[in-house]
Amino acid sequence: MQLDDIKISRAIIESYNKKLLDALDVDVAIVGAGPAGMCCAYYLAKKGKRVVIFERKLSVGGGMWGGGIMFNEIVVQEKARRILNEFDVSTRLYEKGYYLADSVEAVSTICSKTIKQGVKIFNLLSAEDVMIRKGRIAGLVLNWTAVEIANLHVDPITMRAKMVIDATGHAAEVVRIAERKSGLKLNTKTGKVMGENSMWAEVGEETIVRNSREVAPGLYTCGMCANAVFGGPRMGPIFGGMLLSGRKVADDLLKKL
């Protein structure tokens, strides 16, 4: 069989267009395909919810790929190890309470399992704004990352979601957009993004789960974004809190949806 270049192009364009059209009205839209965002999406999709993730970068995984200082090993605690076990990610006991996992295996396996649950991940798409209806975050405004990088004046498109999750990590990009443009008061002590504190793994791992919650009507924080918004410390190269955060937000949303 001879390969036809035009058929190859047609197959890609037709398939992607259908996938994107199906993603314009969903139960949950997640911004950021790091470990917290993918974990959250996995548990939501497992219960039959329609979930999409929009990732600005070419690759998924956030900071998990690099482990600590580019040593591709990550540490998790016992509670989070159970989640990695569910994803079939191999873990090894370092000493009591500390488990190691290969960061490349962790990211690739979590991503694969999440997609196989039915989650659609769109890379190279950025959320440049939020859609607000009647005082509630009701969706996202999307554009190509390349447009953003090149600073081109190209109008975006919108998508609708019953719930939006900011899983953009330290930057807390979606919450900051909502704070700046919506006029909504955030559910923080100051009513604004409080910013993250200096690294403290023990406290950071505790507060990241507690801070993973609704920050404005229709908008949730998840992963490192939660501590950046609510004023908790960063936790460094221990990733258990990220996974536990994703699971918590999924459980909370399943009660609402």
Protein backbone atom coordinates (compact mmCIF):
# COMPACT_ATOMS: atom_id res chain seq x y z
CA MET A 1 0.00 0.00 0.00
CA GLN A 2 1.24 3.46 -0.92
CA LEU A 3 0.91 6.17 1.71
CA ASP A 4 -0.93 9.31 0.67
CA ASP A 5 0.36 12.47 2.37
CA ILE A 6 -3.01 14.20 2.04
CA LYS A 7 -4.86 11.31 3.67
CA ILE A 8 -2.44 11.48 6.58
CA SER A 9 -3.15 15.20 6.98
CA ARG A 10 -6.89 14.70 6.58
CA ALA A 11 -6.92 11.96 9.24
CA ILE A 12 -5.15 14.21 11.77
CA ILE A 13 -7.31 17.26 11.09
CA GLU A 14 -10.64 15.43 11.08
CA SER A 15 -9.84 13.47 14.25
CA TYR A 16 -8.54 16.48 16.17
CA ASN A 17 -11.48 18.65 15.17
CA LYS A 18 -13.92 16.06 16.50
CA LYS A 19 -11.97 15.70 19.73
CA LEU A 20 -11.88 19.46 20.28
CA LEU A 21 -15.57 19.92 19.45
CA ASP A 22 -16.46 17.24 22.00
CA ALA A 23 -14.39 19.10 24.60
CA LEU A 24 -16.29 22.39 24.33
CA ASP A 25 -18.99 21.43 26.85
CA VAL A 26 -17.95 19.12 29.68
CA ASP A 27 -18.44 18.38 33.35
CA VAL A 28 -14.95 19.42 34.45
CA ALA A 29 -12.17 21.38 32.75
CA ILE A 30 -8.72 21.17 34.32
CA VAL A 31 -5.90 23.58 33.47
CA GLY A 32 -2.53 21.93 33.94
CA ALA A 33 -1.56 18.31 33.24
CA GLY A 34 0.76 17.86 36.18
CA PRO A 35 0.39 14.95 38.61
CA ALA A 36 -2.37 16.65 40.61
CA GLY A 37 -4.43 17.57 37.55
CA MET A 38 -4.11 14.15 35.95
CA CYS A 39 -4.84 12.33 39.20
CA CYS A 40 -7.96 14.43 39.73
CA ALA A 41 -9.09 13.80 36.16
CA TYR A 42 -8.53 10.05 36.53
CA TYR A 43 -10.82 9.70 39.56
CA LEU A 44 -13.51 11.90 38.03
CA ALA A 45 -13.51 10.01 34.74
CA LYS A 46 -13.53 6.70 36.60
CA LYS A 47 -16.97 7.71 37.90
CA GLY A 48 -18.24 8.59 34.44
CA LYS A 49 -17.64 12.36 34.37
CA ARG A 50 -16.61 14.08 31.15
CA VAL A 51 -13.22 15.63 31.83
CA VAL A 52 -10.71 17.53 29.71
CA ILE A 53 -7.27 18.84 30.59
CA PHE A 54 -5.62 21.78 28.86
CA GLU A 55 -1.83 21.90 29.11
CA ARG A 56 0.21 24.87 27.93
CA LYS A 57 3.41 22.92 27.32
CA LEU A 58 4.25 20.24 24.79
CA SER A 59 4.73 17.63 27.52
CA VAL A 60 2.58 16.68 30.50
CA GLY A 61 3.79 15.92 34.03
CA GLY A 62 4.69 19.35 35.39
CA GLY A 63 7.69 19.23 37.69
CA MET A 64 7.41 15.51 38.44
CA TRP A 65 9.63 14.54 35.49
CA GLY A 66 12.67 16.15 37.10
CA GLY A 67 12.31 14.73 40.63
CA GLY A 68 14.67 16.74 42.80
CA ILE A 69 17.41 18.83 41.10
CA MET A 70 16.96 16.75 37.94
CA PHE A 71 17.53 13.43 39.78
CA ASN A 72 14.53 11.57 38.38
CA GLU A 73 13.44 9.97 41.65
CA ILE A 74 10.46 11.14 43.71
CA VAL A 75 9.49 10.54 47.32
CA VAL A 76 5.95 9.83 48.53
CA GLN A 77 4.48 8.94 51.90
CA GLU A 78 2.30 5.91 52.75
CA LYS A 79 -1.09 7.48 51.89
CA ALA A 80 0.11 8.62 48.49
CA ARG A 81 1.84 5.29 47.84
CA ARG A 82 -1.60 3.69 47.80
CA ILE A 83 -2.56 5.95 44.90
CA LEU A 84 0.61 5.03 43.00
CA ASN A 85 -0.22 1.38 43.65
CA GLU A 86 -3.64 1.93 42.07
CA PHE A 87 -1.93 3.39 39.01
CA ASP A 88 0.49 0.40 38.95
CA VAL A 89 3.52 2.65 39.51
CA SER A 90 6.35 0.72 41.19
CA THR A 91 7.47 1.99 44.60
CA ARG A 92 10.39 1.05 46.84
CA LEU A 93 10.76 1.47 50.59
CA TYR A 94 13.60 3.82 51.51
CA GLU A 95 12.93 3.76 55.23
CA LYS A 96 9.80 3.80 57.34
CA GLY A 97 7.37 6.40 55.99
CA TYR A 98 9.44 7.20 52.88
CA TYR A 99 8.85 5.52 49.52
CA LEU A 100 10.68 6.11 46.25
CA ALA A 101 9.38 5.95 42.70
CA ASP A 102 10.97 6.57 39.32
CA SER A 103 9.63 9.92 38.18
CA VAL A 104 9.56 8.99 34.49
CA GLU A 105 7.60 5.83 35.20
CA ALA A 106 5.25 7.77 37.48
CA VAL A 107 4.41 10.49 34.95
CA SER A 108 4.09 8.20 31.94
CA THR A 109 1.97 5.65 33.77
CA ILE A 110 -0.35 8.18 35.41
CA CYS A 111 -0.82 9.87 32.03
CA SER A 112 -1.56 6.60 30.24
CA LYS A 113 -4.02 5.39 32.87
CA THR A 114 -5.77 8.77 32.91
CA ILE A 115 -6.25 8.79 29.15
CA LYS A 116 -7.48 5.20 29.18
CA GLN A 117 -10.19 6.28 31.66
CA GLY A 118 -11.50 8.56 28.89
CA VAL A 119 -9.87 11.87 29.80
CA LYS A 120 -8.90 14.03 26.83
CA ILE A 121 -5.64 15.95 27.24
CA PHE A 122 -4.97 18.88 24.92
CA ASN A 123 -1.37 20.03 24.99
CA LEU A 124 -0.10 23.32 23.53
CA LEU A 125 -3.38 25.03 24.48
CA SER A 126 -3.40 27.84 27.04
CA ALA A 127 -6.22 29.19 29.17
CA GLU A 128 -5.87 32.90 28.66
CA ASP A 129 -9.10 33.90 30.39
CA VAL A 130 -12.13 32.52 32.21
CA MET A 131 -15.76 32.60 31.16
CA ILE A 132 -17.99 34.10 33.87
CA ARG A 133 -21.76 33.83 33.95
CA LYS A 134 -23.92 35.19 36.79
CA GLY A 135 -21.01 35.54 39.19
CA ARG A 136 -19.69 32.03 38.57
CA ILE A 137 -16.73 30.61 36.66
CA ALA A 138 -18.47 28.74 33.86
CA GLY A 139 -15.67 27.84 31.46
CA LEU A 140 -12.39 28.84 29.87
CA VAL A 141 -11.09 31.01 27.07
CA LEU A 142 -8.48 29.12 25.05
CA ASN A 143 -5.75 29.95 22.60
CA TRP A 144 -2.73 28.20 21.14
CA THR A 145 0.41 28.47 23.27
CA ALA A 146 2.33 29.47 20.14
CA VAL A 147 0.05 32.48 19.74
CA GLU A 148 0.78 33.49 23.32
CA ILE A 149 4.54 33.05 22.94
CA ALA A 150 4.66 35.00 19.68
CA ASN A 151 2.44 37.73 21.15
CA LEU A 152 0.15 37.58 18.13
CA HIS A 153 -3.25 39.25 18.09
CA VAL A 154 -5.36 36.17 17.39
CA ASP A 155 -8.78 35.87 18.98
CA PRO A 156 -9.42 32.84 21.21
CA ILE A 157 -12.29 30.38 21.56
CA THR A 158 -14.41 29.50 24.60
CA MET A 159 -15.44 26.25 26.22
CA ARG A 160 -18.01 25.56 28.94
CA ALA A 161 -17.61 23.43 32.07
CA LYS A 162 -19.72 22.85 35.17
CA MET A 163 -16.53 23.08 37.23
CA VAL A 164 -13.06 24.47 36.46
CA ILE A 165 -9.91 23.35 38.27
CA ASP A 166 -6.71 25.36 38.44
CA ALA A 167 -3.84 22.86 38.55
CA THR A 168 -1.21 25.20 37.10
CA GLY A 169 1.20 24.83 40.02
CA HIS A 170 3.12 27.68 41.60
CA ALA A 171 1.78 30.22 39.11
CA ALA A 172 -1.92 29.67 39.99
CA GLU A 173 -2.69 31.19 36.61
CA VAL A 174 -6.44 30.63 36.39
CA VAL A 175 -7.14 31.90 39.90
CA ARG A 176 -5.02 35.00 39.26
CA ILE A 177 -6.96 35.68 36.07
CA ALA A 178 -10.26 35.29 37.92
CA GLU A 179 -9.06 37.60 40.69
CA ARG A 180 -7.85 40.25 38.28
CA LYS A 181 -10.70 40.26 35.79
CA SER A 182 -13.85 38.91 37.42
CA GLY A 183 -14.33 41.12 40.44
CA LEU A 184 -15.01 37.98 42.49
CA LYS A 185 -13.75 37.84 46.05
CA LEU A 186 -11.72 34.69 46.61
CA ASN A 187 -12.37 32.31 49.52
CA THR A 188 -9.01 33.12 51.12
CA LYS A 189 -8.30 35.07 54.31
CA THR A 190 -7.50 38.19 52.30
CA GLY A 191 -9.98 37.65 49.46
CA LYS A 192 -7.00 37.58 47.10
CA VAL A 193 -4.21 35.20 46.08
CA MET A 194 -2.00 34.99 49.17
CA GLY A 195 1.15 33.54 47.58
CA GLU A 196 3.17 30.53 48.65
CA ASN A 197 5.57 30.48 51.60
CA SER A 198 9.08 29.07 51.81
CA MET A 199 9.70 25.34 51.50
CA TRP A 200 8.64 23.17 54.43
CA ALA A 201 7.78 19.64 53.33
CA GLU A 202 5.94 18.50 56.44
CA VAL A 203 3.58 21.47 56.63
CA GLY A 204 3.31 21.82 52.86
CA GLU A 205 2.17 18.23 52.45
CA GLU A 206 -0.56 18.74 55.04
CA THR A 207 -1.82 22.11 53.86
CA ILE A 208 -1.87 21.29 50.16
CA VAL A 209 -4.66 18.77 50.72
CA ARG A 210 -6.58 21.08 53.04
CA ASN A 211 -6.21 24.00 50.61
CA SER A 212 -7.43 21.97 47.62
CA ARG A 213 -10.95 23.35 47.55
CA GLU A 214 -13.32 25.85 45.98
CA VAL A 215 -11.73 29.28 45.82
CA ALA A 216 -14.51 31.04 43.88
CA PRO A 217 -17.90 29.86 42.60
CA GLY A 218 -17.19 27.11 40.08
CA LEU A 219 -13.39 27.30 40.50
CA TYR A 220 -11.23 24.86 42.50
CA THR A 221 -7.55 24.81 43.37
CA CYS A 222 -5.58 21.59 43.03
CA GLY A 223 -1.95 20.66 43.57
CA MET A 224 0.72 23.27 44.28
CA CYS A 225 -1.72 25.92 43.09
CA ALA A 226 -3.69 25.36 46.30
CA ASN A 227 -0.83 26.44 48.56
CA ALA A 228 0.06 29.30 46.24
CA VAL A 229 -3.49 30.62 46.50
CA PHE A 230 -4.17 29.99 50.20
CA GLY A 231 -0.71 30.85 51.53
CA GLY A 232 0.83 27.45 52.34
CA PRO A 233 4.51 26.54 51.97
CA ARG A 234 5.97 24.73 48.99
CA MET A 235 6.98 21.17 49.70
CA GLY A 236 9.85 20.46 47.32
CA PRO A 237 10.50 17.09 45.66
CA ILE A 238 7.99 15.07 47.66
CA PHE A 239 4.97 14.48 45.47
CA GLY A 240 2.51 12.64 47.70
CA GLY A 241 0.55 15.80 48.43
CA MET A 242 0.01 16.38 44.72
CA LEU A 243 -1.63 12.99 44.29
CA LEU A 244 -3.68 13.30 47.48
CA SER A 245 -4.80 16.78 46.43
CA GLY A 246 -6.05 15.49 43.09
CA ARG A 247 -7.96 12.69 44.79
CA LYS A 248 -9.54 15.07 47.32
CA VAL A 249 -10.78 17.54 44.69
CA ALA A 250 -12.21 14.67 42.63
CA ASP A 251 -14.06 13.33 45.69
CA ASP A 252 -15.42 16.80 46.50
CA LEU A 253 -16.63 17.39 42.96
CA LEU A 254 -18.28 13.99 42.70
CA LYS A 255 -20.56 15.07 45.55
CA LYS A 256 -21.54 18.21 43.64
CA LEU A 257 -21.86 17.02 40.07
